[in-house]
Amino acid sequence: MAKEYVERNNKNVEVRTAALQWISTVAKFKPDYWAIEVRDWVWFVYPWNVTEDMTNFIRRVLTEESKLVRGSGR
C-alpha cells in the first residue's frame, strides 16, 4: 500500500521495496530485495524486539496455564 501511495502521489518516480525477511509461502507482496527468504515457519528474535516478544510469550503461557488450572477444578 505504501508503494502504491508513493507512486500515485509522485510522478516519474521509481519505487523499489526491500524487506529483512520475505515469507515466500504466505506473502501477498514480493519485495524487490530481501535478506532472508523464509520457506518454513521459524521464530526470529531480533535484538530490538526481545522485550516485546518475551513479554507476549510469557503472557500467553500464563494465560494458558490459568485456563488449565480453572479447567481442572483446582
PDB file of N, CA and C in Angstrom:
ATOM      1  N   MET A   1       0.814  -1.176   0.000  1.00  0.00           N
ATOM      2  CA  MET A   1       0.000   0.000   0.000  1.00  0.00           C
ATOM      3  C   MET A   1       0.865   1.250   0.000  1.00  0.00           C
ATOM      4  N   ALA A   2       1.951   1.217   0.743  1.00  0.00           N
ATOM      5  CA  ALA A   2       2.837   2.377   0.793  1.00  0.00           C
ATOM      6  C   ALA A   2       3.471   2.625  -0.569  1.00  0.00           C
ATOM      7  N   LYS A   3       3.886   1.560  -1.235  1.00  0.00           N
ATOM      8  CA  LYS A   3       4.487   1.694  -2.564  1.00  0.00           C
ATOM      9  C   LYS A   3       3.487   2.322  -3.532  1.00  0.00           C
ATOM     10  N   GLU A   4       2.260   1.821  -3.526  1.00  0.00           N
ATOM     11  CA  GLU A   4       1.229   2.368  -4.403  1.00  0.00           C
ATOM     12  C   GLU A   4       0.963   3.840  -4.096  1.00  0.00           C
ATOM     13  N   TYR A   5       0.940   4.203  -2.820  1.00  0.00           N
ATOM     14  CA  TYR A   5       0.708   5.585  -2.416  1.00  0.00           C
ATOM     15  C   TYR A   5       1.810   6.497  -2.945  1.00  0.00           C
ATOM     16  N   VAL A   6       3.054   6.096  -2.758  1.00  0.00           N
ATOM     17  CA  VAL A   6       4.185   6.917  -3.218  1.00  0.00           C
ATOM     18  C   VAL A   6       4.152   7.066  -4.733  1.00  0.00           C
ATOM     19  N   GLU A   7       3.908   5.969  -5.432  1.00  0.00           N
ATOM     20  CA  GLU A   7       3.853   6.026  -6.894  1.00  0.00           C
ATOM     21  C   GLU A   7       2.704   6.911  -7.380  1.00  0.00           C
ATOM     22  N   ARG A   8       1.579   6.800  -6.728  1.00  0.00           N
ATOM     23  CA  ARG A   8       0.398   7.572  -7.131  1.00  0.00           C
ATOM     24  C   ARG A   8       0.586   9.070  -6.899  1.00  0.00           C
ATOM     25  N   ASN A   9       1.317   9.437  -5.870  1.00  0.00           N
ATOM     26  CA  ASN A   9       1.462  10.842  -5.495  1.00  0.00           C
ATOM     27  C   ASN A   9       2.779  11.479  -5.915  1.00  0.00           C
ATOM     28  N   ASN A  10       3.603  10.753  -6.631  1.00  0.00           N
ATOM     29  CA  ASN A  10       4.883  11.278  -7.102  1.00  0.00           C
ATOM     30  C   ASN A  10       5.118  10.778  -8.518  1.00  0.00           C
ATOM     31  N   LYS A  11       4.888  11.650  -9.484  1.00  0.00           N
ATOM     32  CA  LYS A  11       5.044  11.264 -10.882  1.00  0.00           C
ATOM     33  C   LYS A  11       6.528  11.076 -11.221  1.00  0.00           C
ATOM     34  N   ASN A  12       6.787  10.174 -12.139  1.00  0.00           N
ATOM     35  CA  ASN A  12       8.149   9.905 -12.629  1.00  0.00           C
ATOM     36  C   ASN A  12       9.107   9.462 -11.535  1.00  0.00           C
ATOM     37  N   VAL A  13       8.616   8.681 -10.598  1.00  0.00           N
ATOM     38  CA  VAL A  13       9.449   8.155  -9.514  1.00  0.00           C
ATOM     39  C   VAL A  13       9.441   6.633  -9.597  1.00  0.00           C
ATOM     40  N   GLU A  14      10.622   6.049  -9.515  1.00  0.00           N
ATOM     41  CA  GLU A  14      10.725   4.597  -9.468  1.00  0.00           C
ATOM     42  C   GLU A  14      10.831   4.171  -8.012  1.00  0.00           C
ATOM     43  N   VAL A  15       9.944   3.307  -7.594  1.00  0.00           N
ATOM     44  CA  VAL A  15       9.917   2.868  -6.201  1.00  0.00           C
ATOM     45  C   VAL A  15      10.330   1.413  -6.137  1.00  0.00           C
ATOM     46  N   ARG A  16      11.295   1.122  -5.284  1.00  0.00           N
ATOM     47  CA  ARG A  16      11.741  -0.251  -5.031  1.00  0.00           C
ATOM     48  C   ARG A  16      11.472  -0.569  -3.572  1.00  0.00           C
ATOM     49  N   THR A  17      11.224  -1.826  -3.300  1.00  0.00           N
ATOM     50  CA  THR A  17      10.934  -2.229  -1.931  1.00  0.00           C
ATOM     51  C   THR A  17      11.973  -3.235  -1.441  1.00  0.00           C
ATOM     52  N   ALA A  18      12.166  -3.238  -0.128  1.00  0.00           N
ATOM     53  CA  ALA A  18      13.113  -4.166   0.493  1.00  0.00           C
ATOM     54  C   ALA A  18      12.544  -4.637   1.820  1.00  0.00           C
ATOM     55  N   ALA A  19      12.909  -5.854   2.196  1.00  0.00           N
ATOM     56  CA  ALA A  19      12.460  -6.419   3.470  1.00  0.00           C
ATOM     57  C   ALA A  19      13.580  -7.246   4.071  1.00  0.00           C
ATOM     58  N   LEU A  20      13.628  -7.249   5.377  1.00  0.00           N
ATOM     59  CA  LEU A  20      14.608  -8.094   6.049  1.00  0.00           C
ATOM     60  C   LEU A  20      14.263  -9.557   5.814  1.00  0.00           C
ATOM     61  N   GLN A  21      12.961  -9.878   5.924  1.00  0.00           N
ATOM     62  CA  GLN A  21      12.501 -11.246   5.696  1.00  0.00           C
ATOM     63  C   GLN A  21      11.373 -11.227   4.674  1.00  0.00           C
ATOM     64  N   TRP A  22      11.402 -12.187   3.779  1.00  0.00           N
ATOM     65  CA  TRP A  22      10.301 -12.395   2.854  1.00  0.00           C
ATOM     66  C   TRP A  22       9.789 -13.807   3.104  1.00  0.00           C
ATOM     67  N   ILE A  23       8.581 -13.920   3.623  1.00  0.00           N
ATOM     68  CA  ILE A  23       7.985 -15.227   3.903  1.00  0.00           C
ATOM     69  C   ILE A  23       7.261 -15.658   2.635  1.00  0.00           C
ATOM     70  N   SER A  24       8.013 -16.292   1.748  1.00  0.00           N
ATOM     71  CA  SER A  24       7.562 -16.552   0.383  1.00  0.00           C
ATOM     72  C   SER A  24       6.335 -17.447   0.290  1.00  0.00           C
ATOM     73  N   THR A  25       6.112 -18.298   1.264  1.00  0.00           N
ATOM     74  CA  THR A  25       4.988 -19.231   1.184  1.00  0.00           C
ATOM     75  C   THR A  25       3.647 -18.571   1.471  1.00  0.00           C
ATOM     76  N   VAL A  26       3.637 -17.436   2.146  1.00  0.00           N
ATOM     77  CA  VAL A  26       2.375 -16.791   2.502  1.00  0.00           C
ATOM     78  C   VAL A  26       2.289 -15.317   2.128  1.00  0.00           C
ATOM     79  N   ALA A  27       3.378 -14.736   1.674  1.00  0.00           N
ATOM     80  CA  ALA A  27       3.400 -13.301   1.397  1.00  0.00           C
ATOM     81  C   ALA A  27       2.449 -12.919   0.271  1.00  0.00           C
ATOM     82  N   LYS A  28       1.735 -11.828   0.485  1.00  0.00           N
ATOM     83  CA  LYS A  28       0.851 -11.297  -0.550  1.00  0.00           C
ATOM     84  C   LYS A  28       1.603 -10.319  -1.454  1.00  0.00           C
ATOM     85  N   PHE A  29       2.784  -9.924  -1.041  1.00  0.00           N
ATOM     86  CA  PHE A  29       3.590  -8.945  -1.769  1.00  0.00           C
ATOM     87  C   PHE A  29       5.031  -9.437  -1.813  1.00  0.00           C
ATOM     88  N   LYS A  30       5.656  -9.359  -2.969  1.00  0.00           N
ATOM     89  CA  LYS A  30       7.060  -9.763  -3.090  1.00  0.00           C
ATOM     90  C   LYS A  30       7.924  -8.512  -3.222  1.00  0.00           C
ATOM     91  N   PRO A  31       8.809  -8.275  -2.259  1.00  0.00           N
ATOM     92  CA  PRO A  31       9.677  -7.105  -2.347  1.00  0.00           C
ATOM     93  C   PRO A  31      10.718  -7.274  -3.466  1.00  0.00           C
ATOM     94  N   ASP A  32      11.256  -6.170  -3.904  1.00  0.00           N
ATOM     95  CA  ASP A  32      12.299  -6.225  -4.930  1.00  0.00           C
ATOM     96  C   ASP A  32      13.587  -6.834  -4.371  1.00  0.00           C
ATOM     97  N   TYR A  33      13.850  -6.572  -3.108  1.00  0.00           N
ATOM     98  CA  TYR A  33      15.055  -7.080  -2.443  1.00  0.00           C
ATOM     99  C   TYR A  33      14.676  -7.634  -1.078  1.00  0.00           C
ATOM    100  N   TRP A  34      15.366  -8.681  -0.628  1.00  0.00           N
ATOM    101  CA  TRP A  34      15.172  -9.219   0.713  1.00  0.00           C
ATOM    102  C   TRP A  34      16.470  -9.858   1.169  1.00  0.00           C
ATOM    103  N   ALA A  35      16.629  -9.922   2.490  1.00  0.00           N
ATOM    104  CA  ALA A  35      17.844 -10.507   3.053  1.00  0.00           C
ATOM    105  C   ALA A  35      17.691 -12.005   3.272  1.00  0.00           C
ATOM    106  N   ILE A  36      16.512 -12.415   3.763  1.00  0.00           N
ATOM    107  CA  ILE A  36      16.274 -13.817   4.099  1.00  0.00           C
ATOM    108  C   ILE A  36      14.932 -14.251   3.508  1.00  0.00           C
ATOM    109  N   GLU A  37      14.934 -15.329   2.762  1.00  0.00           N
ATOM    110  CA  GLU A  37      13.675 -15.919   2.319  1.00  0.00           C
ATOM    111  C   GLU A  37      13.303 -17.018   3.307  1.00  0.00           C
ATOM    112  N   VAL A  38      12.141 -16.885   3.909  1.00  0.00           N
ATOM    113  CA  VAL A  38      11.656 -17.852   4.887  1.00  0.00           C
ATOM    114  C   VAL A  38      10.648 -18.757   4.184  1.00  0.00           C
ATOM    115  N   ARG A  39      10.959 -20.047   4.111  1.00  0.00           N
ATOM    116  CA  ARG A  39      10.056 -21.007   3.474  1.00  0.00           C
ATOM    117  C   ARG A  39       9.324 -21.857   4.494  1.00  0.00           C
ATOM    118  N   ASP A  40       9.929 -22.088   5.641  1.00  0.00           N
ATOM    119  CA  ASP A  40       9.320 -22.855   6.727  1.00  0.00           C
ATOM    120  C   ASP A  40       9.225 -21.947   7.942  1.00  0.00           C
ATOM    121  N   TRP A  41       8.150 -22.141   8.729  1.00  0.00           N
ATOM    122  CA  TRP A  41       7.960 -21.295   9.896  1.00  0.00           C
ATOM    123  C   TRP A  41       9.134 -21.434  10.854  1.00  0.00           C
ATOM    124  N   VAL A  42       9.605 -20.311  11.315  1.00  0.00           N
ATOM    125  CA  VAL A  42      10.653 -20.261  12.327  1.00  0.00           C
ATOM    126  C   VAL A  42      10.458 -18.962  13.104  1.00  0.00           C
ATOM    127  N   TRP A  43      10.790 -18.979  14.382  1.00  0.00           N
ATOM    128  CA  TRP A  43      10.600 -17.805  15.207  1.00  0.00           C
ATOM    129  C   TRP A  43      11.913 -17.026  15.233  1.00  0.00           C
ATOM    130  N   PHE A  44      11.925 -15.860  14.644  1.00  0.00           N
ATOM    131  CA  PHE A  44      13.087 -14.984  14.660  1.00  0.00           C
ATOM    132  C   PHE A  44      12.944 -14.018  15.826  1.00  0.00           C
ATOM    133  N   VAL A  45      14.005 -13.871  16.609  1.00  0.00           N
ATOM    134  CA  VAL A  45      14.024 -12.882  17.684  1.00  0.00           C
ATOM    135  C   VAL A  45      15.164 -11.919  17.386  1.00  0.00           C
ATOM    136  N   TYR A  46      14.798 -10.690  17.124  1.00  0.00           N
ATOM    137  CA  TYR A  46      15.794  -9.661  16.821  1.00  0.00           C
ATOM    138  C   TYR A  46      16.075  -8.842  18.076  1.00  0.00           C
ATOM    139  N   PRO A  47      17.278  -8.303  18.199  1.00  0.00           N
ATOM    140  CA  PRO A  47      17.667  -7.566  19.410  1.00  0.00           C
ATOM    141  C   PRO A  47      16.700  -6.442  19.772  1.00  0.00           C
ATOM    142  N   TRP A  48      16.137  -5.779  18.774  1.00  0.00           N
ATOM    143  CA  TRP A  48      15.253  -4.647  19.045  1.00  0.00           C
ATOM    144  C   TRP A  48      13.845  -5.095  19.452  1.00  0.00           C
ATOM    145  N   ASN A  49      13.601  -6.384  19.471  1.00  0.00           N
ATOM    146  CA  ASN A  49      12.261  -6.871  19.744  1.00  0.00           C
ATOM    147  C   ASN A  49      12.204  -7.885  20.895  1.00  0.00           C
ATOM    148  N   VAL A  50      13.307  -8.121  21.549  1.00  0.00           N
ATOM    149  CA  VAL A  50      13.373  -9.155  22.588  1.00  0.00           C
ATOM    150  C   VAL A  50      12.351  -8.905  23.700  1.00  0.00           C
ATOM    151  N   THR A  51      12.291  -7.695  24.210  1.00  0.00           N
ATOM    152  CA  THR A  51      11.390  -7.398  25.335  1.00  0.00           C
ATOM    153  C   THR A  51       9.940  -7.644  24.954  1.00  0.00           C
ATOM    154  N   GLU A  52       9.521  -7.135  23.801  1.00  0.00           N
ATOM    155  CA  GLU A  52       8.139  -7.316  23.366  1.00  0.00           C
ATOM    156  C   GLU A  52       7.819  -8.793  23.130  1.00  0.00           C
ATOM    157  N   ASP A  53       8.706  -9.498  22.450  1.00  0.00           N
ATOM    158  CA  ASP A  53       8.464 -10.912  22.167  1.00  0.00           C
ATOM    159  C   ASP A  53       8.363 -11.734  23.450  1.00  0.00           C
ATOM    160  N   MET A  54       9.277 -11.523  24.370  1.00  0.00           N
ATOM    161  CA  MET A  54       9.283 -12.311  25.601  1.00  0.00           C
ATOM    162  C   MET A  54       8.086 -11.955  26.482  1.00  0.00           C
ATOM    163  N   THR A  55       7.710 -10.682  26.539  1.00  0.00           N
ATOM    164  CA  THR A  55       6.544 -10.268  27.309  1.00  0.00           C
ATOM    165  C   THR A  55       5.290 -10.945  26.780  1.00  0.00           C
ATOM    166  N   ASN A  56       5.113 -10.930  25.469  1.00  0.00           N
ATOM    167  CA  ASN A  56       3.939 -11.572  24.868  1.00  0.00           C
ATOM    168  C   ASN A  56       3.959 -13.081  25.070  1.00  0.00           C
ATOM    169  N   PHE A  57       5.137 -13.682  24.971  1.00  0.00           N
ATOM    170  CA  PHE A  57       5.270 -15.123  25.171  1.00  0.00           C
ATOM    171  C   PHE A  57       4.903 -15.513  26.603  1.00  0.00           C
ATOM    172  N   ILE A  58       5.455 -14.796  27.571  1.00  0.00           N
ATOM    173  CA  ILE A  58       5.182 -15.091  28.985  1.00  0.00           C
ATOM    174  C   ILE A  58       3.705 -14.875  29.292  1.00  0.00           C
ATOM    175  N   ARG A  59       3.122 -13.803  28.766  1.00  0.00           N
ATOM    176  CA  ARG A  59       1.699 -13.530  28.989  1.00  0.00           C
ATOM    177  C   ARG A  59       0.850 -14.688  28.447  1.00  0.00           C
ATOM    178  N   ARG A  60       1.215 -15.176  27.293  1.00  0.00           N
ATOM    179  CA  ARG A  60       0.433 -16.279  26.698  1.00  0.00           C
ATOM    180  C   ARG A  60       0.579 -17.556  27.520  1.00  0.00           C
ATOM    181  N   VAL A  61       1.779 -17.862  27.954  1.00  0.00           N
ATOM    182  CA  VAL A  61       1.994 -19.052  28.784  1.00  0.00           C
ATOM    183  C   VAL A  61       1.170 -18.953  30.066  1.00  0.00           C
ATOM    184  N   LEU A  62       1.189 -17.808  30.715  1.00  0.00           N
ATOM    185  CA  LEU A  62       0.435 -17.641  31.962  1.00  0.00           C
ATOM    186  C   LEU A  62      -1.071 -17.729  31.719  1.00  0.00           C
ATOM    187  N   THR A  63      -1.540 -17.189  30.614  1.00  0.00           N
ATOM    188  CA  THR A  63      -2.962 -17.265  30.275  1.00  0.00           C
ATOM    189  C   THR A  63      -3.381 -18.706  30.045  1.00  0.00           C
ATOM    190  N   GLU A  64      -2.572 -19.448  29.302  1.00  0.00           N
ATOM    191  CA  GLU A  64      -2.883 -20.858  29.046  1.00  0.00           C
ATOM    192  C   GLU A  64      -2.845 -21.671  30.333  1.00  0.00           C
ATOM    193  N   GLU A  65      -1.876 -21.399  31.189  1.00  0.00           N
ATOM    194  CA  GLU A  65      -1.766 -22.101  32.476  1.00  0.00           C
ATOM    195  C   GLU A  65      -2.996 -21.819  33.330  1.00  0.00           C
ATOM    196  N   SER A  66      -3.439 -20.577  33.328  1.00  0.00           N
ATOM    197  CA  SER A  66      -4.620 -20.199  34.097  1.00  0.00           C
ATOM    198  C   SER A  66      -5.853 -20.947  33.595  1.00  0.00           C
ATOM    199  N   LYS A  67      -5.991 -21.099  32.300  1.00  0.00           N
ATOM    200  CA  LYS A  67      -7.121 -21.846  31.728  1.00  0.00           C
ATOM    201  C   LYS A  67      -7.067 -23.313  32.163  1.00  0.00           C
ATOM    202  N   LEU A  68      -5.874 -23.882  32.172  1.00  0.00           N
ATOM    203  CA  LEU A  68      -5.722 -25.288  32.576  1.00  0.00           C
ATOM    204  C   LEU A  68      -6.088 -25.477  34.043  1.00  0.00           C
ATOM    205  N   VAL A  69      -5.651 -24.559  34.890  1.00  0.00           N
ATOM    206  CA  VAL A  69      -5.928 -24.655  36.334  1.00  0.00           C
ATOM    207  C   VAL A  69      -7.419 -24.523  36.578  1.00  0.00           C
ATOM    208  N   ARG A  70      -8.082 -23.566  35.931  1.00  0.00           N
ATOM    209  CA  ARG A  70      -9.531 -23.393  36.104  1.00  0.00           C
ATOM    210  C   ARG A  70     -10.291 -24.599  35.590  1.00  0.00           C
ATOM    211  N   GLY A  71      -9.816 -25.172  34.504  1.00  0.00           N
ATOM    212  CA  GLY A  71     -10.494 -26.324  33.906  1.00  0.00           C
ATOM    213  C   GLY A  71     -10.321 -27.607  34.707  1.00  0.00           C
ATOM    214  N   SER A  72      -9.298 -27.662  35.557  1.00  0.00           N
ATOM    215  CA  SER A  72      -9.049 -28.890  36.316  1.00  0.00           C
ATOM    216  C   SER A  72      -9.796 -28.913  37.652  1.00  0.00           C
ATOM    217  N   GLY A  73     -10.463 -27.801  38.007  1.00  0.00           N
ATOM    218  CA  GLY A  73     -11.236 -27.758  39.246  1.00  0.00           C
ATOM    219  C   GLY A  73     -10.416 -27.459  40.483  1.00  0.00           C
ATOM    220  N   ARG A  74      -9.197 -26.980  40.312  1.00  0.00           N
ATOM    221  CA  ARG A  74      -8.352 -26.644  41.481  1.00  0.00           C
ATOM    222  C   ARG A  74      -8.823 -25.389  42.167  1.00  0.00           C
TER     223      ARG A  74
END
